[in-house]
């Protein structure tokens, strides 16, 4: 009799633990930035050496936290 009670107690505890992990509080949303880039690549046309060429990349933060752009590389 005592063994059956212990089994039920352990099973109920496992069930409650599993439910708490699966469902959590439900209202917690992780805040994170998310960069949406119009085009992540651009092929510049041929240019004369020493001349300037330009292209504008549009970057929009679609996340829920501030987006920090700390470095940009070419090539």
N, C-alpha and C. Protein backbone atom coordinates (compact mmCIF):
# COMPACT_ATOMS: atom_id res chain seq x y z
N UNK A 1 0.81 -1.20 0.00
CA UNK A 1 0.00 0.00 0.00
C UNK A 1 0.86 1.26 0.00
N UNK A 2 1.89 1.23 0.83
CA UNK A 2 2.77 2.39 0.92
C UNK A 2 3.51 2.62 -0.39
N UNK A 3 3.89 1.57 -1.09
CA UNK A 3 4.60 1.66 -2.35
C UNK A 3 3.72 2.32 -3.42
N UNK A 4 2.43 1.98 -3.47
CA UNK A 4 1.51 2.58 -4.44
C UNK A 4 1.36 4.09 -4.18
N UNK A 5 1.27 4.47 -2.91
CA UNK A 5 1.14 5.89 -2.58
C UNK A 5 2.38 6.66 -3.02
N UNK A 6 3.54 6.06 -2.83
CA UNK A 6 4.77 6.70 -3.23
C UNK A 6 4.83 6.85 -4.75
N UNK A 7 4.40 5.81 -5.48
CA UNK A 7 4.38 5.88 -6.95
C UNK A 7 3.48 7.01 -7.43
N UNK A 8 2.29 7.13 -6.84
CA UNK A 8 1.37 8.19 -7.24
C UNK A 8 1.93 9.57 -6.91
N UNK A 9 2.58 9.67 -5.78
CA UNK A 9 3.18 10.95 -5.38
C UNK A 9 4.28 11.35 -6.38
N UNK A 10 5.14 10.40 -6.74
CA UNK A 10 6.22 10.67 -7.68
C UNK A 10 5.66 11.01 -9.06
N UNK A 11 4.65 10.28 -9.50
CA UNK A 11 4.04 10.55 -10.81
C UNK A 11 3.38 11.93 -10.83
N UNK A 12 2.70 12.29 -9.77
CA UNK A 12 2.05 13.60 -9.70
C UNK A 12 3.11 14.71 -9.71
N UNK A 13 4.20 14.52 -9.00
CA UNK A 13 5.28 15.50 -8.99
C UNK A 13 5.90 15.67 -10.36
N UNK A 14 6.14 14.56 -11.06
CA UNK A 14 6.69 14.63 -12.42
C UNK A 14 5.74 15.35 -13.36
N UNK A 15 4.46 15.08 -13.23
CA UNK A 15 3.46 15.72 -14.08
C UNK A 15 3.44 17.23 -13.84
N UNK A 16 3.46 17.65 -12.58
CA UNK A 16 3.46 19.08 -12.27
C UNK A 16 4.74 19.75 -12.75
N UNK A 17 5.87 19.08 -12.59
CA UNK A 17 7.14 19.62 -13.04
C UNK A 17 7.14 19.78 -14.57
N UNK A 18 6.67 18.77 -15.28
CA UNK A 18 6.60 18.83 -16.74
C UNK A 18 5.69 19.94 -17.21
N UNK A 19 4.55 20.10 -16.57
CA UNK A 19 3.60 21.15 -16.95
C UNK A 19 4.20 22.53 -16.72
N UNK A 20 4.94 22.70 -15.62
CA UNK A 20 5.53 24.01 -15.35
C UNK A 20 6.59 24.36 -16.37
N UNK A 21 7.33 23.38 -16.86
CA UNK A 21 8.35 23.64 -17.88
C UNK A 21 7.69 23.94 -19.23
N UNK A 22 6.68 23.18 -19.59
CA UNK A 22 6.02 23.35 -20.89
C UNK A 22 5.27 24.66 -20.99
N UNK A 23 4.55 25.02 -19.95
CA UNK A 23 3.67 26.18 -20.04
C UNK A 23 4.27 27.43 -19.43
N UNK A 24 5.14 27.32 -18.46
CA UNK A 24 5.73 28.48 -17.82
C UNK A 24 4.67 29.46 -17.39
N UNK A 25 5.00 30.75 -17.37
CA UNK A 25 4.00 31.75 -17.03
C UNK A 25 3.25 32.21 -18.26
N UNK A 26 3.80 31.96 -19.45
CA UNK A 26 3.09 32.27 -20.68
C UNK A 26 3.16 33.70 -21.14
N UNK A 27 3.42 34.65 -20.26
CA UNK A 27 3.40 36.06 -20.64
C UNK A 27 4.79 36.66 -20.77
N UNK A 28 5.82 35.87 -20.56
CA UNK A 28 7.17 36.38 -20.64
C UNK A 28 7.64 36.38 -22.09
N UNK A 29 8.00 37.55 -22.58
CA UNK A 29 8.51 37.67 -23.95
C UNK A 29 9.95 38.13 -23.87
N UNK A 30 10.82 37.41 -24.53
CA UNK A 30 12.23 37.78 -24.54
C UNK A 30 12.41 38.99 -25.44
N UNK A 31 13.12 39.99 -24.94
CA UNK A 31 13.40 41.17 -25.75
C UNK A 31 14.74 40.98 -26.44
N UNK A 32 14.72 41.18 -27.75
CA UNK A 32 15.94 41.03 -28.54
C UNK A 32 15.83 41.88 -29.80
N UNK A 33 16.96 42.43 -30.25
CA UNK A 33 16.93 43.16 -31.51
C UNK A 33 16.88 42.19 -32.69
N UNK A 34 16.40 42.68 -33.81
CA UNK A 34 16.37 41.88 -35.04
C UNK A 34 16.57 42.84 -36.22
N UNK A 35 17.64 42.65 -36.96
CA UNK A 35 17.94 43.54 -38.08
C UNK A 35 17.28 43.03 -39.35
N UNK A 36 16.54 43.90 -40.00
CA UNK A 36 15.95 43.61 -41.30
C UNK A 36 16.70 44.47 -42.32
N UNK A 37 17.43 43.83 -43.21
CA UNK A 37 18.27 44.54 -44.18
C UNK A 37 17.64 44.41 -45.56
N UNK A 38 17.57 45.55 -46.29
CA UNK A 38 16.95 45.53 -47.62
C UNK A 38 17.70 44.59 -48.56
N UNK A 39 19.01 44.59 -48.50
CA UNK A 39 19.85 43.67 -49.30
C UNK A 39 21.17 43.52 -48.57
N UNK A 40 21.58 42.30 -48.31
CA UNK A 40 22.82 42.11 -47.56
C UNK A 40 24.05 42.06 -48.47
N UNK A 41 23.84 42.24 -49.78
CA UNK A 41 24.94 42.17 -50.72
C UNK A 41 24.66 43.14 -51.86
N UNK A 42 25.70 43.78 -52.36
CA UNK A 42 25.55 44.69 -53.50
C UNK A 42 26.82 44.64 -54.33
N UNK A 43 26.70 44.40 -55.62
CA UNK A 43 27.83 44.38 -56.55
C UNK A 43 27.97 45.76 -57.17
N UNK A 44 29.07 46.43 -56.82
CA UNK A 44 29.33 47.73 -57.42
C UNK A 44 29.77 47.55 -58.87
N UNK A 45 29.36 48.46 -59.74
CA UNK A 45 29.85 48.38 -61.13
C UNK A 45 31.32 48.81 -61.18
N UNK A 46 31.94 48.56 -62.28
CA UNK A 46 33.34 48.98 -62.45
C UNK A 46 33.44 50.49 -62.26
N UNK A 47 34.55 50.92 -61.64
CA UNK A 47 34.75 52.35 -61.40
C UNK A 47 36.19 52.71 -61.70
N UNK A 48 36.40 53.95 -62.02
CA UNK A 48 37.74 54.45 -62.28
C UNK A 48 38.46 54.59 -60.93
N UNK A 49 39.73 54.16 -60.91
CA UNK A 49 40.50 54.22 -59.67
C UNK A 49 40.54 55.65 -59.14
N UNK A 50 40.28 55.80 -57.86
CA UNK A 50 40.29 57.11 -57.22
C UNK A 50 38.93 57.77 -57.18
N UNK A 51 37.96 57.24 -57.93
CA UNK A 51 36.62 57.84 -57.90
C UNK A 51 35.83 57.26 -56.72
N UNK A 52 34.80 57.96 -56.35
CA UNK A 52 33.94 57.52 -55.24
C UNK A 52 32.74 56.76 -55.77
N UNK A 53 32.37 55.72 -55.08
CA UNK A 53 31.13 55.00 -55.38
C UNK A 53 30.36 54.88 -54.08
N UNK A 54 29.05 54.92 -54.18
CA UNK A 54 28.20 54.87 -52.99
C UNK A 54 27.03 53.92 -53.19
N UNK A 55 26.58 53.38 -52.10
CA UNK A 55 25.35 52.60 -52.07
C UNK A 55 24.79 52.70 -50.66
N UNK A 56 23.49 52.85 -50.56
CA UNK A 56 22.85 52.95 -49.25
C UNK A 56 22.16 51.64 -48.92
N UNK A 57 22.50 51.09 -47.79
CA UNK A 57 21.82 49.89 -47.28
C UNK A 57 20.80 50.35 -46.25
N UNK A 58 19.57 49.90 -46.38
CA UNK A 58 18.54 50.22 -45.40
C UNK A 58 18.48 49.11 -44.36
N UNK A 59 18.62 49.51 -43.10
CA UNK A 59 18.58 48.57 -41.99
C UNK A 59 17.48 49.04 -41.04
N UNK A 60 16.58 48.13 -40.71
CA UNK A 60 15.47 48.45 -39.82
C UNK A 60 15.46 47.46 -38.66
N UNK A 61 15.23 47.95 -37.46
CA UNK A 61 15.13 47.09 -36.29
C UNK A 61 13.69 46.61 -36.17
N UNK A 62 13.47 45.32 -36.39
CA UNK A 62 12.13 44.75 -36.26
C UNK A 62 11.98 44.01 -34.94
N UNK A 63 12.97 44.12 -34.07
CA UNK A 63 12.93 43.43 -32.79
C UNK A 63 12.29 44.27 -31.71
N UNK A 64 12.45 43.81 -30.47
CA UNK A 64 11.81 44.47 -29.34
C UNK A 64 12.82 45.09 -28.39
N UNK A 65 14.10 45.14 -28.79
CA UNK A 65 15.15 45.77 -27.99
C UNK A 65 15.98 46.63 -28.93
N UNK A 66 16.72 47.59 -28.39
CA UNK A 66 17.54 48.45 -29.25
C UNK A 66 18.56 47.65 -30.05
N UNK A 67 18.74 48.06 -31.30
CA UNK A 67 19.71 47.41 -32.19
C UNK A 67 20.97 48.25 -32.22
N UNK A 68 22.11 47.63 -31.88
CA UNK A 68 23.39 48.34 -31.90
C UNK A 68 24.23 47.79 -33.05
N UNK A 69 24.63 48.67 -33.95
CA UNK A 69 25.52 48.27 -35.03
C UNK A 69 26.91 48.74 -34.60
N UNK A 70 27.75 47.78 -34.24
CA UNK A 70 29.05 48.11 -33.67
C UNK A 70 30.18 48.12 -34.69
N UNK A 71 30.01 47.46 -35.82
CA UNK A 71 31.04 47.51 -36.86
C UNK A 71 30.43 47.14 -38.21
N UNK A 72 31.08 47.63 -39.26
CA UNK A 72 30.67 47.34 -40.63
C UNK A 72 31.94 47.02 -41.40
N UNK A 73 31.89 45.97 -42.22
CA UNK A 73 33.06 45.57 -42.99
C UNK A 73 32.71 45.53 -44.47
N UNK A 74 33.67 45.81 -45.29
CA UNK A 74 33.52 45.66 -46.74
C UNK A 74 34.29 44.45 -47.19
N UNK A 75 33.95 43.97 -48.36
CA UNK A 75 34.71 42.86 -48.95
C UNK A 75 34.28 41.58 -48.52
